[in-house]
Amino acid sequence: TYEFHFQNEFSNIKQALQELRGLFDLDNAEKDLELLDQKCENPLLWDDPSAAEKILKKRALCKNTVDQFYVHQASYNELKELYPLALEEADTSILTEIQENLLLLKSWFYQQMI
């Protein structure tokens, strides 16, 4: 049935989000990003262009990791909220759209884990 399939998919994606949070070491990545932001605010940083470039690259990588995680987590949350409404209305077009987006999320998770 639709319901069992979707509940299983949501459960698998929730687990993948938890695994990625650990894989990305998200809590430390957020702390690192905050420290890198503070370094970027220091006007003396710009006296050493080479050091500034390294910090900016590290900050961009860290920010991308954090942002990508939260974008995909928000997508998961939106789909999870939309699902009961689509099920209640028996709206197969929305259920199909949810399924397609769940596949995109799973694909992104898989890419991150390899």
PDB file of N, CA and C in Angstrom:
ATOM      1  N   THR A   1       0.837  -1.189   0.000  1.00  0.00           N
ATOM      2  CA  THR A   1       0.000   0.000   0.000  1.00  0.00           C
ATOM      3  C   THR A   1       0.878   1.248   0.000  1.00  0.00           C
ATOM      4  N   TYR A   2       0.262   2.338  -0.461  1.00  0.00           N
ATOM      5  CA  TYR A   2       0.964   3.623  -0.450  1.00  0.00           C
ATOM      6  C   TYR A   2       1.494   3.952   0.940  1.00  0.00           C
ATOM      7  N   GLU A   3       0.613   3.790   1.923  1.00  0.00           N
ATOM      8  CA  GLU A   3       0.949   4.231   3.277  1.00  0.00           C
ATOM      9  C   GLU A   3       2.186   3.523   3.822  1.00  0.00           C
ATOM     10  N   PHE A   4       2.228   2.204   3.704  1.00  0.00           N
ATOM     11  CA  PHE A   4       3.379   1.469   4.201  1.00  0.00           C
ATOM     12  C   PHE A   4       4.641   1.877   3.458  1.00  0.00           C
ATOM     13  N   HIS A   5       4.545   1.968   2.134  1.00  0.00           N
ATOM     14  CA  HIS A   5       5.701   2.334   1.319  1.00  0.00           C
ATOM     15  C   HIS A   5       6.260   3.695   1.733  1.00  0.00           C
ATOM     16  N   PHE A   6       5.384   4.686   1.851  1.00  0.00           N
ATOM     17  CA  PHE A   6       5.846   6.030   2.192  1.00  0.00           C
ATOM     18  C   PHE A   6       6.392   6.085   3.617  1.00  0.00           C
ATOM     19  N   GLN A   7       5.738   5.423   4.544  1.00  0.00           N
ATOM     20  CA  GLN A   7       6.241   5.436   5.923  1.00  0.00           C
ATOM     21  C   GLN A   7       7.631   4.817   5.989  1.00  0.00           C
ATOM     22  N   ASN A   8       7.835   3.763   5.225  1.00  0.00           N
ATOM     23  CA  ASN A   8       9.144   3.125   5.160  1.00  0.00           C
ATOM     24  C   ASN A   8      10.185   4.069   4.553  1.00  0.00           C
ATOM     25  N   GLU A   9       9.806   4.759   3.486  1.00  0.00           N
ATOM     26  CA  GLU A   9      10.706   5.714   2.844  1.00  0.00           C
ATOM     27  C   GLU A   9      11.082   6.843   3.812  1.00  0.00           C
ATOM     28  N   PHE A  10      10.078   7.390   4.486  1.00  0.00           N
ATOM     29  CA  PHE A  10      10.354   8.471   5.439  1.00  0.00           C
ATOM     30  C   PHE A  10      11.264   7.994   6.564  1.00  0.00           C
ATOM     31  N   SER A  11      11.034   6.792   7.042  1.00  0.00           N
ATOM     32  CA  SER A  11      11.866   6.233   8.096  1.00  0.00           C
ATOM     33  C   SER A  11      13.315   6.070   7.622  1.00  0.00           C
ATOM     34  N   ASN A  12      13.489   5.560   6.413  1.00  0.00           N
ATOM     35  CA  ASN A  12      14.841   5.385   5.865  1.00  0.00           C
ATOM     36  C   ASN A  12      15.552   6.720   5.690  1.00  0.00           C
ATOM     37  N   ILE A  13      14.828   7.722   5.238  1.00  0.00           N
ATOM     38  CA  ILE A  13      15.450   9.031   5.017  1.00  0.00           C
ATOM     39  C   ILE A  13      15.775   9.695   6.354  1.00  0.00           C
ATOM     40  N   LYS A  14      14.912   9.527   7.330  1.00  0.00           N
ATOM     41  CA  LYS A  14      15.206  10.078   8.660  1.00  0.00           C
ATOM     42  C   LYS A  14      16.493   9.460   9.204  1.00  0.00           C
ATOM     43  N   GLN A  15      16.636   8.164   9.033  1.00  0.00           N
ATOM     44  CA  GLN A  15      17.850   7.485   9.479  1.00  0.00           C
ATOM     45  C   GLN A  15      19.072   7.997   8.708  1.00  0.00           C
ATOM     46  N   ALA A  16      18.921   8.200   7.411  1.00  0.00           N
ATOM     47  CA  ALA A  16      20.030   8.713   6.602  1.00  0.00           C
ATOM     48  C   ALA A  16      20.428  10.120   7.049  1.00  0.00           C
ATOM     49  N   LEU A  17      19.446  10.941   7.392  1.00  0.00           N
ATOM     50  CA  LEU A  17      19.752  12.283   7.900  1.00  0.00           C
ATOM     51  C   LEU A  17      20.580  12.201   9.181  1.00  0.00           C
ATOM     52  N   GLN A  18      20.207  11.301  10.065  1.00  0.00           N
ATOM     53  CA  GLN A  18      20.954  11.141  11.309  1.00  0.00           C
ATOM     54  C   GLN A  18      22.382  10.664  11.029  1.00  0.00           C
ATOM     55  N   GLU A  19      22.519   9.746  10.086  1.00  0.00           N
ATOM     56  CA  GLU A  19      23.849   9.252   9.733  1.00  0.00           C
ATOM     57  C   GLU A  19      24.700  10.356   9.111  1.00  0.00           C
ATOM     58  N   LEU A  20      24.085  11.155   8.243  1.00  0.00           N
ATOM     59  CA  LEU A  20      24.834  12.244   7.608  1.00  0.00           C
ATOM     60  C   LEU A  20      25.221  13.316   8.617  1.00  0.00           C
ATOM     61  N   ARG A  21      24.344  13.566   9.578  1.00  0.00           N
ATOM     62  CA  ARG A  21      24.689  14.542  10.629  1.00  0.00           C
ATOM     63  C   ARG A  21      25.997  14.128  11.303  1.00  0.00           C
ATOM     64  N   GLY A  22      26.123  12.825  11.572  1.00  0.00           N
ATOM     65  CA  GLY A  22      27.355  12.316  12.176  1.00  0.00           C
ATOM     66  C   GLY A  22      28.510  12.310  11.186  1.00  0.00           C
ATOM     67  N   LEU A  23      28.256  11.881   9.968  1.00  0.00           N
ATOM     68  CA  LEU A  23      29.295  11.832   8.944  1.00  0.00           C
ATOM     69  C   LEU A  23      29.874  13.218   8.672  1.00  0.00           C
ATOM     70  N   PHE A  24      29.002  14.206   8.604  1.00  0.00           N
ATOM     71  CA  PHE A  24      29.437  15.586   8.367  1.00  0.00           C
ATOM     72  C   PHE A  24      29.981  16.231   9.641  1.00  0.00           C
ATOM     73  N   ASP A  25      29.815  15.553  10.785  1.00  0.00           N
ATOM     74  CA  ASP A  25      30.183  16.117  12.081  1.00  0.00           C
ATOM     75  C   ASP A  25      29.585  17.526  12.172  1.00  0.00           C
ATOM     76  N   LEU A  26      28.280  17.571  11.945  1.00  0.00           N
ATOM     77  CA  LEU A  26      27.582  18.834  11.757  1.00  0.00           C
ATOM     78  C   LEU A  26      27.715  19.789  12.941  1.00  0.00           C
ATOM     79  N   ASP A  27      27.659  19.263  14.152  1.00  0.00           N
ATOM     80  CA  ASP A  27      27.776  20.149  15.317  1.00  0.00           C
ATOM     81  C   ASP A  27      29.115  20.878  15.304  1.00  0.00           C
ATOM     82  N   ASN A  28      30.195  20.145  15.023  1.00  0.00           N
ATOM     83  CA  ASN A  28      31.506  20.790  14.956  1.00  0.00           C
ATOM     84  C   ASN A  28      31.642  21.669  13.719  1.00  0.00           C
ATOM     85  N   ALA A  29      31.022  21.265  12.623  1.00  0.00           N
ATOM     86  CA  ALA A  29      31.067  22.084  11.409  1.00  0.00           C
ATOM     87  C   ALA A  29      30.410  23.441  11.653  1.00  0.00           C
ATOM     88  N   GLU A  30      29.312  23.441  12.405  1.00  0.00           N
ATOM     89  CA  GLU A  30      28.646  24.706  12.730  1.00  0.00           C
ATOM     90  C   GLU A  30      29.526  25.576  13.630  1.00  0.00           C
ATOM     91  N   LYS A  31      30.193  24.946  14.586  1.00  0.00           N
ATOM     92  CA  LYS A  31      31.105  25.691  15.456  1.00  0.00           C
ATOM     93  C   LYS A  31      32.280  26.239  14.653  1.00  0.00           C
ATOM     94  N   ASP A  32      32.831  25.408  13.770  1.00  0.00           N
ATOM     95  CA  ASP A  32      33.934  25.852  12.909  1.00  0.00           C
ATOM     96  C   ASP A  32      33.511  27.034  12.052  1.00  0.00           C
ATOM     97  N   LEU A  33      32.313  26.963  11.511  1.00  0.00           N
ATOM     98  CA  LEU A  33      31.811  28.044  10.664  1.00  0.00           C
ATOM     99  C   LEU A  33      31.715  29.342  11.452  1.00  0.00           C
ATOM    100  N   GLU A  34      31.243  29.233  12.679  1.00  0.00           N
ATOM    101  CA  GLU A  34      31.148  30.421  13.532  1.00  0.00           C
ATOM    102  C   GLU A  34      32.540  31.019  13.797  1.00  0.00           C
ATOM    103  N   LEU A  35      33.522  30.158  14.074  1.00  0.00           N
ATOM    104  CA  LEU A  35      34.887  30.645  14.308  1.00  0.00           C
ATOM    105  C   LEU A  35      35.487  31.257  13.046  1.00  0.00           C
ATOM    106  N   LEU A  36      35.230  30.633  11.916  1.00  0.00           N
ATOM    107  CA  LEU A  36      35.747  31.166  10.650  1.00  0.00           C
ATOM    108  C   LEU A  36      35.101  32.504  10.316  1.00  0.00           C
ATOM    109  N   ASP A  37      33.827  32.641  10.625  1.00  0.00           N
ATOM    110  CA  ASP A  37      33.153  33.934  10.433  1.00  0.00           C
ATOM    111  C   ASP A  37      33.810  35.013  11.289  1.00  0.00           C
ATOM    112  N   GLN A  38      34.145  34.650  12.523  1.00  0.00           N
ATOM    113  CA  GLN A  38      34.803  35.609  13.413  1.00  0.00           C
ATOM    114  C   GLN A  38      36.170  36.012  12.861  1.00  0.00           C
ATOM    115  N   LYS A  39      36.905  35.030  12.328  1.00  0.00           N
ATOM    116  CA  LYS A  39      38.217  35.339  11.734  1.00  0.00           C
ATOM    117  C   LYS A  39      38.068  36.265  10.539  1.00  0.00           C
ATOM    118  N   CYS A  40      37.033  36.058   9.763  1.00  0.00           N
ATOM    119  CA  CYS A  40      36.810  36.892   8.575  1.00  0.00           C
ATOM    120  C   CYS A  40      36.464  38.328   8.955  1.00  0.00           C
ATOM    121  N   GLU A  41      35.925  38.516  10.138  1.00  0.00           N
ATOM    122  CA  GLU A  41      35.573  39.856  10.607  1.00  0.00           C
ATOM    123  C   GLU A  41      36.789  40.631  11.111  1.00  0.00           C
ATOM    124  N   ASN A  42      37.887  39.931  11.348  1.00  0.00           N
ATOM    125  CA  ASN A  42      39.102  40.579  11.838  1.00  0.00           C
ATOM    126  C   ASN A  42      39.787  41.321  10.681  1.00  0.00           C
ATOM    127  N   PRO A  43      39.897  42.644  10.777  1.00  0.00           N
ATOM    128  CA  PRO A  43      40.502  43.406   9.680  1.00  0.00           C
ATOM    129  C   PRO A  43      41.971  43.033   9.421  1.00  0.00           C
ATOM    130  N   LEU A  44      42.661  42.508  10.421  1.00  0.00           N
ATOM    131  CA  LEU A  44      44.062  42.136  10.244  1.00  0.00           C
ATOM    132  C   LEU A  44      44.234  40.915   9.338  1.00  0.00           C
ATOM    133  N   LEU A  45      43.194  40.129   9.216  1.00  0.00           N
ATOM    134  CA  LEU A  45      43.261  38.953   8.350  1.00  0.00           C
ATOM    135  C   LEU A  45      43.656  39.338   6.933  1.00  0.00           C
ATOM    136  N   TRP A  46      43.148  40.454   6.486  1.00  0.00           N
ATOM    137  CA  TRP A  46      43.340  40.859   5.095  1.00  0.00           C
ATOM    138  C   TRP A  46      44.751  41.382   4.839  1.00  0.00           C
ATOM    139  N   ASP A  47      45.561  41.501   5.903  1.00  0.00           N
ATOM    140  CA  ASP A  47      46.971  41.895   5.728  1.00  0.00           C
ATOM    141  C   ASP A  47      47.780  40.750   5.127  1.00  0.00           C
ATOM    142  N   ASP A  48      47.293  39.540   5.254  1.00  0.00           N
ATOM    143  CA  ASP A  48      47.969  38.360   4.698  1.00  0.00           C
ATOM    144  C   ASP A  48      47.013  37.679   3.708  1.00  0.00           C
ATOM    145  N   PRO A  49      47.126  38.081   2.432  1.00  0.00           N
ATOM    146  CA  PRO A  49      46.185  37.558   1.429  1.00  0.00           C
ATOM    147  C   PRO A  49      46.179  36.031   1.329  1.00  0.00           C
ATOM    148  N   SER A  50      47.326  35.401   1.507  1.00  0.00           N
ATOM    149  CA  SER A  50      47.398  33.946   1.415  1.00  0.00           C
ATOM    150  C   SER A  50      46.608  33.290   2.548  1.00  0.00           C
ATOM    151  N   ALA A  51      46.785  33.783   3.753  1.00  0.00           N
ATOM    152  CA  ALA A  51      46.049  33.254   4.906  1.00  0.00           C
ATOM    153  C   ALA A  51      44.553  33.542   4.749  1.00  0.00           C
ATOM    154  N   ALA A  52      44.232  34.721   4.258  1.00  0.00           N
ATOM    155  CA  ALA A  52      42.826  35.084   4.053  1.00  0.00           C
ATOM    156  C   ALA A  52      42.172  34.142   3.041  1.00  0.00           C
ATOM    157  N   GLU A  53      42.887  33.835   1.980  1.00  0.00           N
ATOM    158  CA  GLU A  53      42.350  32.946   0.955  1.00  0.00           C
ATOM    159  C   GLU A  53      42.083  31.550   1.522  1.00  0.00           C
ATOM    160  N   LYS A  54      43.016  31.046   2.328  1.00  0.00           N
ATOM    161  CA  LYS A  54      42.831  29.729   2.942  1.00  0.00           C
ATOM    162  C   LYS A  54      41.614  29.707   3.858  1.00  0.00           C
ATOM    163  N   ILE A  55      41.459  30.752   4.654  1.00  0.00           N
ATOM    164  CA  ILE A  55      40.330  30.825   5.581  1.00  0.00           C
ATOM    165  C   ILE A  55      39.018  30.938   4.809  1.00  0.00           C
ATOM    166  N   LEU A  56      39.012  31.740   3.743  1.00  0.00           N
ATOM    167  CA  LEU A  56      37.787  31.887   2.947  1.00  0.00           C
ATOM    168  C   LEU A  56      37.401  30.581   2.261  1.00  0.00           C
ATOM    169  N   LYS A  57      38.393  29.838   1.766  1.00  0.00           N
ATOM    170  CA  LYS A  57      38.097  28.544   1.131  1.00  0.00           C
ATOM    171  C   LYS A  57      37.549  27.553   2.155  1.00  0.00           C
ATOM    172  N   LYS A  58      38.181  27.525   3.322  1.00  0.00           N
ATOM    173  CA  LYS A  58      37.718  26.615   4.375  1.00  0.00           C
ATOM    174  C   LYS A  58      36.310  26.992   4.820  1.00  0.00           C
ATOM    175  N   ARG A  59      36.063  28.300   4.939  1.00  0.00           N
ATOM    176  CA  ARG A  59      34.741  28.777   5.337  1.00  0.00           C
ATOM    177  C   ARG A  59      33.696  28.397   4.287  1.00  0.00           C
ATOM    178  N   ALA A  60      34.011  28.560   3.016  1.00  0.00           N
ATOM    179  CA  ALA A  60      33.062  28.236   1.942  1.00  0.00           C
ATOM    180  C   ALA A  60      32.714  26.747   1.957  1.00  0.00           C
ATOM    181  N   LEU A  61      33.713  25.912   2.155  1.00  0.00           N
ATOM    182  CA  LEU A  61      33.482  24.466   2.206  1.00  0.00           C
ATOM    183  C   LEU A  61      32.609  24.097   3.405  1.00  0.00           C
ATOM    184  N   CYS A  62      32.930  24.665   4.537  1.00  0.00           N
ATOM    185  CA  CYS A  62      32.183  24.397   5.769  1.00  0.00           C
ATOM    186  C   CYS A  62      30.736  24.888   5.634  1.00  0.00           C
ATOM    187  N   LYS A  63      30.564  26.091   5.108  1.00  0.00           N
ATOM    188  CA  LYS A  63      29.226  26.661   4.934  1.00  0.00           C
ATOM    189  C   LYS A  63      28.414  25.827   3.960  1.00  0.00           C
ATOM    190  N   ASN A  64      29.034  25.367   2.893  1.00  0.00           N
ATOM    191  CA  ASN A  64      28.332  24.547   1.917  1.00  0.00           C
ATOM    192  C   ASN A  64      27.838  23.245   2.561  1.00  0.00           C
ATOM    193  N   THR A  65      28.683  22.621   3.360  1.00  0.00           N
ATOM    194  CA  THR A  65      28.309  21.379   4.036  1.00  0.00           C
ATOM    195  C   THR A  65      27.102  21.604   4.944  1.00  0.00           C
ATOM    196  N   VAL A  66      27.185  22.630   5.770  1.00  0.00           N
ATOM    197  CA  VAL A  66      26.102  22.934   6.710  1.00  0.00           C
ATOM    198  C   VAL A  66      24.825  23.293   5.954  1.00  0.00           C
ATOM    199  N   ASP A  67      24.948  24.179   4.964  1.00  0.00           N
ATOM    200  CA  ASP A  67      23.767  24.623   4.218  1.00  0.00           C
ATOM    201  C   ASP A  67      23.096  23.472   3.477  1.00  0.00           C
ATOM    202  N   GLN A  68      23.895  22.635   2.822  1.00  0.00           N
ATOM    203  CA  GLN A  68      23.331  21.520   2.071  1.00  0.00           C
ATOM    204  C   GLN A  68      22.573  20.563   2.988  1.00  0.00           C
ATOM    205  N   PHE A  69      23.129  20.302   4.140  1.00  0.00           N
ATOM    206  CA  PHE A  69      22.436  19.421   5.080  1.00  0.00           C
ATOM    207  C   PHE A  69      21.070  19.994   5.445  1.00  0.00           C
ATOM    208  N   TYR A  70      21.043  21.268   5.819  1.00  0.00           N
ATOM    209  CA  TYR A  70      19.795  21.857   6.277  1.00  0.00           C
ATOM    210  C   TYR A  70      18.778  22.042   5.148  1.00  0.00           C
ATOM    211  N   VAL A  71      19.242  22.279   3.936  1.00  0.00           N
ATOM    212  CA  VAL A  71      18.328  22.369   2.790  1.00  0.00           C
ATOM    213  C   VAL A  71      17.635  21.022   2.588  1.00  0.00           C
ATOM    214  N   HIS A  72      18.405  19.946   2.653  1.00  0.00           N
ATOM    215  CA  HIS A  72      17.831  18.625   2.441  1.00  0.00           C
ATOM    216  C   HIS A  72      16.971  18.184   3.630  1.00  0.00           C
ATOM    217  N   GLN A  73      17.356  18.579   4.821  1.00  0.00           N
ATOM    218  CA  GLN A  73      16.521  18.276   5.987  1.00  0.00           C
ATOM    219  C   GLN A  73      15.182  19.010   5.879  1.00  0.00           C
ATOM    220  N   ALA A  74      15.211  20.256   5.442  1.00  0.00           N
ATOM    221  CA  ALA A  74      13.972  21.027   5.276  1.00  0.00           C
ATOM    222  C   ALA A  74      13.085  20.394   4.201  1.00  0.00           C
ATOM    223  N   SER A  75      13.699  19.919   3.134  1.00  0.00           N
ATOM    224  CA  SER A  75      12.945  19.248   2.080  1.00  0.00           C
ATOM    225  C   SER A  75      12.246  18.007   2.634  1.00  0.00           C
ATOM    226  N   TYR A  76      12.977  17.224   3.401  1.00  0.00           N
ATOM    227  CA  TYR A  76      12.401  16.036   4.045  1.00  0.00           C
ATOM    228  C   TYR A  76      11.206  16.432   4.916  1.00  0.00           C
ATOM    229  N   ASN A  77      11.389  17.459   5.742  1.00  0.00           N
ATOM    230  CA  ASN A  77      10.321  17.886   6.646  1.00  0.00           C
ATOM    231  C   ASN A  77       9.084  18.346   5.875  1.00  0.00           C
ATOM    232  N   GLU A  78       9.291  19.070   4.777  1.00  0.00           N
ATOM    233  CA  GLU A  78       8.165  19.533   3.966  1.00  0.00           C
ATOM    234  C   GLU A  78       7.406  18.349   3.357  1.00  0.00           C
ATOM    235  N   LEU A  79       8.150  17.381   2.839  1.00  0.00           N
ATOM    236  CA  LEU A  79       7.508  16.209   2.244  1.00  0.00           C
ATOM    237  C   LEU A  79       6.740  15.410   3.290  1.00  0.00           C
ATOM    238  N   LYS A  80       7.325  15.299   4.467  1.00  0.00           N
ATOM    239  CA  LYS A  80       6.675  14.546   5.554  1.00  0.00           C
ATOM    240  C   LYS A  80       5.369  15.239   5.982  1.00  0.00           C
ATOM    241  N   GLU A  81       5.350  16.565   5.957  1.00  0.00           N
ATOM    242  CA  GLU A  81       4.137  17.308   6.306  1.00  0.00           C
ATOM    243  C   GLU A  81       3.094  17.233   5.191  1.00  0.00           C
ATOM    244  N   LEU A  82       3.550  17.233   3.965  1.00  0.00           N
ATOM    245  CA  LEU A  82       2.642  17.206   2.818  1.00  0.00           C
ATOM    246  C   LEU A  82       1.992  15.832   2.638  1.00  0.00           C
ATOM    247  N   TYR A  83       2.712  14.791   3.005  1.00  0.00           N
ATOM    248  CA  TYR A  83       2.239  13.426   2.764  1.00  0.00           C
ATOM    249  C   TYR A  83       0.847  13.132   3.337  1.00  0.00           C
ATOM    250  N   PRO A  84       0.569  13.405   4.626  1.00  0.00           N
ATOM    251  CA  PRO A  84      -0.767  13.069   5.142  1.00  0.00           C
ATOM    252  C   PRO A  84      -1.886  13.843   4.433  1.00  0.00           C
ATOM    253  N   LEU A  85      -1.587  15.064   4.027  1.00  0.00           N
ATOM    254  CA  LEU A  85      -2.599  15.851   3.313  1.00  0.00           C
ATOM    255  C   LEU A  85      -2.897  15.227   1.957  1.00  0.00           C
ATOM    256  N   ALA A  86      -1.844  14.825   1.257  1.00  0.00           N
ATOM    257  CA  ALA A  86      -2.032  14.194  -0.051  1.00  0.00           C
ATOM    258  C   ALA A  86      -2.754  12.860   0.101  1.00  0.00           C
ATOM    259  N   LEU A  87      -2.431  12.125   1.144  1.00  0.00           N
ATOM    260  CA  LEU A  87      -3.071  10.838   1.387  1.00  0.00           C
ATOM    261  C   LEU A  87      -4.561  11.024   1.711  1.00  0.00           C
ATOM    262  N   GLU A  88      -4.834  12.006   2.540  1.00  0.00           N
ATOM    263  CA  GLU A  88      -6.218  12.290   2.923  1.00  0.00           C
ATOM    264  C   GLU A  88      -7.057  12.685   1.705  1.00  0.00           C
ATOM    265  N   GLU A  89      -6.467  13.458   0.833  1.00  0.00           N
ATOM    266  CA  GLU A  89      -7.171  13.898  -0.376  1.00  0.00           C
ATOM    267  C   GLU A  89      -7.107  12.855  -1.493  1.00  0.00           C
ATOM    268  N   ALA A  90      -6.327  11.809  -1.273  1.00  0.00           N
ATOM    269  CA  ALA A  90      -6.097  10.783  -2.298  1.00  0.00           C
ATOM    270  C   ALA A  90      -5.617  11.418  -3.600  1.00  0.00           C
ATOM    271  N   ASP A  91      -4.723  12.385  -3.450  1.00  0.00           N
ATOM    272  CA  ASP A  91      -4.200  13.129  -4.601  1.00  0.00           C
ATOM    273  C   ASP A  91      -2.959  12.413  -5.145  1.00  0.00           C
ATOM    274  N   THR A  92      -3.181  11.616  -6.174  1.00  0.00           N
ATOM    275  CA  THR A  92      -2.079  10.811  -6.711  1.00  0.00           C
ATOM    276  C   THR A  92      -0.995  11.661  -7.353  1.00  0.00           C
ATOM    277  N   SER A  93      -1.348  12.835  -7.872  1.00  0.00           N
ATOM    278  CA  SER A  93      -0.308  13.682  -8.478  1.00  0.00           C
ATOM    279  C   SER A  93       0.659  14.193  -7.403  1.00  0.00           C
ATOM    280  N   ILE A  94       0.133  14.542  -6.248  1.00  0.00           N
ATOM    281  CA  ILE A  94       1.010  15.002  -5.159  1.00  0.00           C
ATOM    282  C   ILE A  94       1.775  13.828  -4.580  1.00  0.00           C
ATOM    283  N   LEU A  95       1.130  12.690  -4.459  1.00  0.00           N
ATOM    284  CA  LEU A  95       1.837  11.500  -3.974  1.00  0.00           C
ATOM    285  C   LEU A  95       2.984  11.135  -4.919  1.00  0.00           C
ATOM    286  N   THR A  96       2.756  11.270  -6.207  1.00  0.00           N
ATOM    287  CA  THR A  96       3.819  11.010  -7.190  1.00  0.00           C
ATOM    288  C   THR A  96       4.946  12.018  -7.038  1.00  0.00           C
ATOM    289  N   GLU A  97       4.592  13.274  -6.841  1.00  0.00           N
ATOM    290  CA  GLU A  97       5.602  14.316  -6.640  1.00  0.00           C
ATOM    291  C   GLU A  97       6.407  14.048  -5.366  1.00  0.00           C
ATOM    292  N   ILE A  98       5.739  13.631  -4.316  1.00  0.00           N
ATOM    293  CA  ILE A  98       6.430  13.285  -3.064  1.00  0.00           C
ATOM    294  C   ILE A  98       7.405  12.145  -3.323  1.00  0.00           C
ATOM    295  N   GLN A  99       6.941  11.120  -4.026  1.00  0.00           N
ATOM    296  CA  GLN A  99       7.804   9.973  -4.338  1.00  0.00           C
ATOM    297  C   GLN A  99       9.031  10.413  -5.131  1.00  0.00           C
ATOM    298  N   GLU A 100       8.835  11.259  -6.118  1.00  0.00           N
ATOM    299  CA  GLU A 100       9.958  11.741  -6.929  1.00  0.00           C
ATOM    300  C   GLU A 100      10.960  12.515  -6.080  1.00  0.00           C
ATOM    301  N   ASN A 101      10.447  13.352  -5.185  1.00  0.00           N
ATOM    302  CA  ASN A 101      11.342  14.130  -4.322  1.00  0.00           C
ATOM    303  C   ASN A 101      12.042  13.254  -3.297  1.00  0.00           C
ATOM    304  N   LEU A 102      11.372  12.222  -2.829  1.00  0.00           N
ATOM    305  CA  LEU A 102      12.030  11.278  -1.928  1.00  0.00           C
ATOM    306  C   LEU A 102      13.176  10.566  -2.642  1.00  0.00           C
ATOM    307  N   LEU A 103      12.964  10.231  -3.907  1.00  0.00           N
ATOM    308  CA  LEU A 103      14.041   9.609  -4.689  1.00  0.00           C
ATOM    309  C   LEU A 103      15.225  10.558  -4.857  1.00  0.00           C
ATOM    310  N   LEU A 104      14.942  11.837  -5.080  1.00  0.00           N
ATOM    311  CA  LEU A 104      16.021  12.829  -5.182  1.00  0.00           C
ATOM    312  C   LEU A 104      16.797  12.936  -3.871  1.00  0.00           C
ATOM    313  N   LEU A 105      16.072  12.933  -2.761  1.00  0.00           N
ATOM    314  CA  LEU A 105      16.736  12.975  -1.454  1.00  0.00           C
ATOM    315  C   LEU A 105      17.613  11.746  -1.255  1.00  0.00           C
ATOM    316  N   LYS A 106      17.080  10.585  -1.574  1.00  0.00           N
ATOM    317  CA  LYS A 106      17.854   9.352  -1.415  1.00  0.00           C
ATOM    318  C   LYS A 106      19.102   9.380  -2.297  1.00  0.00           C
ATOM    319  N   SER A 107      18.970   9.905  -3.484  1.00  0.00           N
ATOM    320  CA  SER A 107      20.108  10.007  -4.394  1.00  0.00           C
ATOM    321  C   SER A 107      21.179  10.918  -3.799  1.00  0.00           C
ATOM    322  N   TRP A 108      20.753  12.051  -3.249  1.00  0.00           N
ATOM    323  CA  TRP A 108      21.713  12.978  -2.635  1.00  0.00           C
ATOM    324  C   TRP A 108      22.402  12.311  -1.450  1.00  0.00           C
ATOM    325  N   PHE A 109      21.634  11.613  -0.605  1.00  0.00           N
ATOM    326  CA  PHE A 109      22.234  10.920   0.537  1.00  0.00           C
ATOM    327  C   PHE A 109      23.271   9.912   0.072  1.00  0.00           C
ATOM    328  N   TYR A 110      22.906   9.154  -0.925  1.00  0.00           N
ATOM    329  CA  TYR A 110      23.824   8.132  -1.446  1.00  0.00           C
ATOM    330  C   TYR A 110      25.119   8.787  -1.934  1.00  0.00           C
ATOM    331  N   GLN A 111      24.997   9.877  -2.656  1.00  0.00           N
ATOM    332  CA  GLN A 111      26.183  10.583  -3.166  1.00  0.00           C
ATOM    333  C   GLN A 111      27.083  11.059  -2.025  1.00  0.00           C
ATOM    334  N   GLN A 112      26.482  11.485  -0.928  1.00  0.00           N
ATOM    335  CA  GLN A 112      27.258  11.984   0.198  1.00  0.00           C
ATOM    336  C   GLN A 112      27.991  10.857   0.926  1.00  0.00           C
ATOM    337  N   MET A 113      27.421   9.671   0.874  1.00  0.00           N
ATOM    338  CA  MET A 113      27.988   8.556   1.646  1.00  0.00           C
ATOM    339  C   MET A 113      29.049   7.774   0.896  1.00  0.00           C
ATOM    340  N   ILE A 114      29.206   8.037  -0.416  1.00  0.00           N
ATOM    341  CA  ILE A 114      30.245   7.305  -1.149  1.00  0.00           C
ATOM    342  C   ILE A 114      31.517   8.110  -1.207  1.00  0.00           C
TER     343      ILE A 114
END
